[in-house]
């Protein structure tokens, strides 16, 4: 019997803002367009977020030179304000983002199922880079 075991990857950071602020900056489309990138040569020119179970999010990610781009989208399975987001991406992979408030800091932990095109290590680095970008943006506000 063949089973499809999905590789799960977790990335994490501690952000120097309250959980309420972290949640607002993570979920607000006007903020997502400012931090959602793995490197400075990429950006997110458009973000939509219907923050409810069954609601869809769609972030347009593009190379600044116009050479590549894609829509990163999915549907929310669970939304617990200030605590947890779980979603299913357009390709069927599952993602969870947990927010743990610790006074004036928030631990953000993101776990996702790896895709099969890039190595797990490359995916981990890319997702961690985006999370690090979120941390920089949140702490400069």
C-alpha atoms as a PDB file:
ATOM      1  CA  UNK A   1       0.000   0.000   0.000  1.00  0.00           C
ATOM      2  CA  UNK A   2       1.401   3.400  -1.016  1.00  0.00           C
ATOM      3  CA  UNK A   3       0.906   6.387   1.240  1.00  0.00           C
ATOM      4  CA  UNK A   4       1.572   9.993   0.401  1.00  0.00           C
ATOM      5  CA  UNK A   5       3.466  11.327   3.374  1.00  0.00           C
ATOM      6  CA  UNK A   6       3.655  15.074   3.159  1.00  0.00           C
ATOM      7  CA  UNK A   7       6.805  16.785   4.360  1.00  0.00           C
ATOM      8  CA  UNK A   8       5.914  19.496   6.864  1.00  0.00           C
ATOM      9  CA  UNK A   9       8.213  22.456   7.321  1.00  0.00           C
ATOM     10  CA  UNK A  10       8.063  24.928  10.207  1.00  0.00           C
ATOM     11  CA  UNK A  11       9.511  28.436  10.352  1.00  0.00           C
ATOM     12  CA  UNK A  12       9.290  30.799  13.302  1.00  0.00           C
ATOM     13  CA  UNK A  13      10.197  34.257  14.516  1.00  0.00           C
ATOM     14  CA  UNK A  14       9.644  36.452  17.546  1.00  0.00           C
ATOM     15  CA  UNK A  15       8.376  39.914  16.643  1.00  0.00           C
ATOM     16  CA  UNK A  16       8.689  42.878  18.976  1.00  0.00           C
ATOM     17  CA  UNK A  17       5.002  43.879  18.778  1.00  0.00           C
ATOM     18  CA  UNK A  18       1.858  42.816  20.624  1.00  0.00           C
ATOM     19  CA  UNK A  19      -0.200  39.949  19.265  1.00  0.00           C
ATOM     20  CA  UNK A  20      -2.970  42.391  18.292  1.00  0.00           C
ATOM     21  CA  UNK A  21      -0.529  44.413  16.182  1.00  0.00           C
ATOM     22  CA  UNK A  22       1.084  41.308  14.669  1.00  0.00           C
ATOM     23  CA  UNK A  23      -2.344  39.972  13.655  1.00  0.00           C
ATOM     24  CA  UNK A  24      -3.359  43.276  12.052  1.00  0.00           C
ATOM     25  CA  UNK A  25      -0.083  43.543  10.096  1.00  0.00           C
ATOM     26  CA  UNK A  26      -0.223  39.883   8.998  1.00  0.00           C
ATOM     27  CA  UNK A  27      -3.828  39.953   7.799  1.00  0.00           C
ATOM     28  CA  UNK A  28      -4.338  43.493   6.495  1.00  0.00           C
ATOM     29  CA  UNK A  29      -3.864  43.620   2.691  1.00  0.00           C
ATOM     30  CA  UNK A  30      -2.499  47.177   2.966  1.00  0.00           C
ATOM     31  CA  UNK A  31       0.286  45.744   5.135  1.00  0.00           C
ATOM     32  CA  UNK A  32       0.835  42.454   3.266  1.00  0.00           C
ATOM     33  CA  UNK A  33       1.921  44.377   0.153  1.00  0.00           C
ATOM     34  CA  UNK A  34       4.691  45.990   2.213  1.00  0.00           C
ATOM     35  CA  UNK A  35       6.302  42.884   3.731  1.00  0.00           C
ATOM     36  CA  UNK A  36       5.392  39.821   1.640  1.00  0.00           C
ATOM     37  CA  UNK A  37       8.645  39.056  -0.205  1.00  0.00           C
ATOM     38  CA  UNK A  38      11.536  36.653   0.165  1.00  0.00           C
ATOM     39  CA  UNK A  39      14.081  39.084  -1.299  1.00  0.00           C
ATOM     40  CA  UNK A  40      14.351  42.748  -2.239  1.00  0.00           C
ATOM     41  CA  UNK A  41      14.027  41.993  -5.972  1.00  0.00           C
ATOM     42  CA  UNK A  42      10.449  40.698  -5.460  1.00  0.00           C
ATOM     43  CA  UNK A  43       7.305  42.455  -4.288  1.00  0.00           C
ATOM     44  CA  UNK A  44       3.580  41.947  -3.777  1.00  0.00           C
ATOM     45  CA  UNK A  45       1.763  44.585  -5.833  1.00  0.00           C
ATOM     46  CA  UNK A  46      -1.707  43.279  -4.907  1.00  0.00           C
ATOM     47  CA  UNK A  47      -3.193  41.499  -1.886  1.00  0.00           C
ATOM     48  CA  UNK A  48      -6.773  40.457  -1.175  1.00  0.00           C
ATOM     49  CA  UNK A  49      -7.882  38.831   2.064  1.00  0.00           C
ATOM     50  CA  UNK A  50     -11.384  37.603   2.981  1.00  0.00           C
ATOM     51  CA  UNK A  51     -10.545  36.746   6.595  1.00  0.00           C
ATOM     52  CA  UNK A  52     -13.172  34.138   7.523  1.00  0.00           C
ATOM     53  CA  UNK A  53     -13.533  30.345   7.275  1.00  0.00           C
ATOM     54  CA  UNK A  54     -14.226  29.667   3.594  1.00  0.00           C
ATOM     55  CA  UNK A  55     -12.827  33.078   2.632  1.00  0.00           C
ATOM     56  CA  UNK A  56     -10.084  33.334   0.046  1.00  0.00           C
ATOM     57  CA  UNK A  57      -6.755  35.152   0.128  1.00  0.00           C
ATOM     58  CA  UNK A  58      -4.784  36.005  -2.996  1.00  0.00           C
ATOM     59  CA  UNK A  59      -1.373  37.674  -3.025  1.00  0.00           C
ATOM     60  CA  UNK A  60       0.171  38.566  -6.381  1.00  0.00           C
ATOM     61  CA  UNK A  61       3.931  38.053  -6.090  1.00  0.00           C
ATOM     62  CA  UNK A  62       6.207  39.363  -8.846  1.00  0.00           C
ATOM     63  CA  UNK A  63       9.850  39.958  -9.633  1.00  0.00           C
ATOM     64  CA  UNK A  64      10.369  43.722  -9.724  1.00  0.00           C
ATOM     65  CA  UNK A  65      11.960  43.437 -13.176  1.00  0.00           C
ATOM     66  CA  UNK A  66       8.796  41.767 -14.535  1.00  0.00           C
ATOM     67  CA  UNK A  67      10.559  38.504 -15.409  1.00  0.00           C
ATOM     68  CA  UNK A  68       8.315  36.264 -13.262  1.00  0.00           C
ATOM     69  CA  UNK A  69       5.224  36.294 -11.109  1.00  0.00           C
ATOM     70  CA  UNK A  70       2.516  34.124  -9.610  1.00  0.00           C
ATOM     71  CA  UNK A  71      -0.612  34.238  -7.494  1.00  0.00           C
ATOM     72  CA  UNK A  72      -0.205  32.786  -4.011  1.00  0.00           C
ATOM     73  CA  UNK A  73      -3.726  31.941  -2.965  1.00  0.00           C
ATOM     74  CA  UNK A  74      -5.831  29.683  -0.824  1.00  0.00           C
ATOM     75  CA  UNK A  75      -8.949  29.301   1.276  1.00  0.00           C
ATOM     76  CA  UNK A  76      -9.132  29.706   5.042  1.00  0.00           C
ATOM     77  CA  UNK A  77     -10.196  26.602   6.935  1.00  0.00           C
ATOM     78  CA  UNK A  78     -10.019  28.161  10.402  1.00  0.00           C
ATOM     79  CA  UNK A  79      -9.682  31.719  11.678  1.00  0.00           C
ATOM     80  CA  UNK A  80      -9.168  32.352  15.412  1.00  0.00           C
ATOM     81  CA  UNK A  81      -8.520  36.076  15.702  1.00  0.00           C
ATOM     82  CA  UNK A  82      -5.139  36.796  17.248  1.00  0.00           C
ATOM     83  CA  UNK A  83      -4.332  33.087  17.589  1.00  0.00           C
ATOM     84  CA  UNK A  84      -4.469  30.883  14.501  1.00  0.00           C
ATOM     85  CA  UNK A  85      -5.012  30.769  10.752  1.00  0.00           C
ATOM     86  CA  UNK A  86      -5.250  27.486   8.889  1.00  0.00           C
ATOM     87  CA  UNK A  87      -5.719  27.321   5.157  1.00  0.00           C
ATOM     88  CA  UNK A  88      -5.566  25.127   2.108  1.00  0.00           C
ATOM     89  CA  UNK A  89      -3.493  26.536  -0.736  1.00  0.00           C
ATOM     90  CA  UNK A  90      -4.663  26.451  -4.331  1.00  0.00           C
ATOM     91  CA  UNK A  91      -2.498  23.387  -4.974  1.00  0.00           C
ATOM     92  CA  UNK A  92      -4.034  21.494  -2.020  1.00  0.00           C
ATOM     93  CA  UNK A  93      -1.225  21.935   0.502  1.00  0.00           C
ATOM     94  CA  UNK A  94      -2.099  22.868   4.087  1.00  0.00           C
ATOM     95  CA  UNK A  95      -0.673  25.824   6.011  1.00  0.00           C
ATOM     96  CA  UNK A  96      -1.083  26.981   9.592  1.00  0.00           C
ATOM     97  CA  UNK A  97       0.081  30.226  11.179  1.00  0.00           C
ATOM     98  CA  UNK A  98       0.005  30.473  14.974  1.00  0.00           C
ATOM     99  CA  UNK A  99       0.370  33.697  16.970  1.00  0.00           C
ATOM    100  CA  UNK A 100       1.469  33.462  20.593  1.00  0.00           C
ATOM    101  CA  UNK A 101       1.438  36.707  22.535  1.00  0.00           C
ATOM    102  CA  UNK A 102       4.158  37.149  25.146  1.00  0.00           C
ATOM    103  CA  UNK A 103       3.559  40.622  26.508  1.00  0.00           C
ATOM    104  CA  UNK A 104       5.018  43.102  24.036  1.00  0.00           C
ATOM    105  CA  UNK A 105       6.278  40.308  21.770  1.00  0.00           C
ATOM    106  CA  UNK A 106       4.597  37.755  19.530  1.00  0.00           C
ATOM    107  CA  UNK A 107       5.921  34.396  18.412  1.00  0.00           C
ATOM    108  CA  UNK A 108       4.730  33.658  14.874  1.00  0.00           C
ATOM    109  CA  UNK A 109       5.007  30.001  13.872  1.00  0.00           C
ATOM    110  CA  UNK A 110       4.193  28.928  10.334  1.00  0.00           C
ATOM    111  CA  UNK A 111       3.931  25.266   9.328  1.00  0.00           C
ATOM    112  CA  UNK A 112       3.334  24.236   5.725  1.00  0.00           C
ATOM    113  CA  UNK A 113       3.325  21.146   3.573  1.00  0.00           C
ATOM    114  CA  UNK A 114       6.219  21.167   1.136  1.00  0.00           C
ATOM    115  CA  UNK A 115       5.666  21.078  -2.610  1.00  0.00           C
ATOM    116  CA  UNK A 116       7.646  18.683  -4.785  1.00  0.00           C
ATOM    117  CA  UNK A 117       9.374  21.096  -7.189  1.00  0.00           C
ATOM    118  CA  UNK A 118      11.900  22.767  -4.863  1.00  0.00           C
ATOM    119  CA  UNK A 119      13.946  21.061  -2.162  1.00  0.00           C
ATOM    120  CA  UNK A 120      12.532  21.250   1.365  1.00  0.00           C
ATOM    121  CA  UNK A 121      15.576  23.263   2.471  1.00  0.00           C
ATOM    122  CA  UNK A 122      15.052  25.842  -0.296  1.00  0.00           C
ATOM    123  CA  UNK A 123      11.380  26.116   0.671  1.00  0.00           C
ATOM    124  CA  UNK A 124      12.254  26.524   4.339  1.00  0.00           C
ATOM    125  CA  UNK A 125      14.718  29.296   3.510  1.00  0.00           C
ATOM    126  CA  UNK A 126      12.213  31.077   1.262  1.00  0.00           C
ATOM    127  CA  UNK A 127       9.372  30.966   3.777  1.00  0.00           C
ATOM    128  CA  UNK A 128      11.726  32.002   6.589  1.00  0.00           C
ATOM    129  CA  UNK A 129      12.892  34.959   4.484  1.00  0.00           C
ATOM    130  CA  UNK A 130       9.289  36.108   4.081  1.00  0.00           C
ATOM    131  CA  UNK A 131       8.719  35.722   7.820  1.00  0.00           C
ATOM    132  CA  UNK A 132      11.911  37.713   8.492  1.00  0.00           C
ATOM    133  CA  UNK A 133      10.599  40.422   6.152  1.00  0.00           C
ATOM    134  CA  UNK A 134       7.382  40.513   8.187  1.00  0.00           C
ATOM    135  CA  UNK A 135       9.409  40.906  11.397  1.00  0.00           C
ATOM    136  CA  UNK A 136      11.425  43.824   9.943  1.00  0.00           C
ATOM    137  CA  UNK A 137       8.264  45.572   8.723  1.00  0.00           C
ATOM    138  CA  UNK A 138       6.381  45.070  12.009  1.00  0.00           C
ATOM    139  CA  UNK A 139       9.229  46.303  14.177  1.00  0.00           C
ATOM    140  CA  UNK A 140       9.767  49.474  12.112  1.00  0.00           C
ATOM    141  CA  UNK A 141       6.165  50.620  12.593  1.00  0.00           C
END
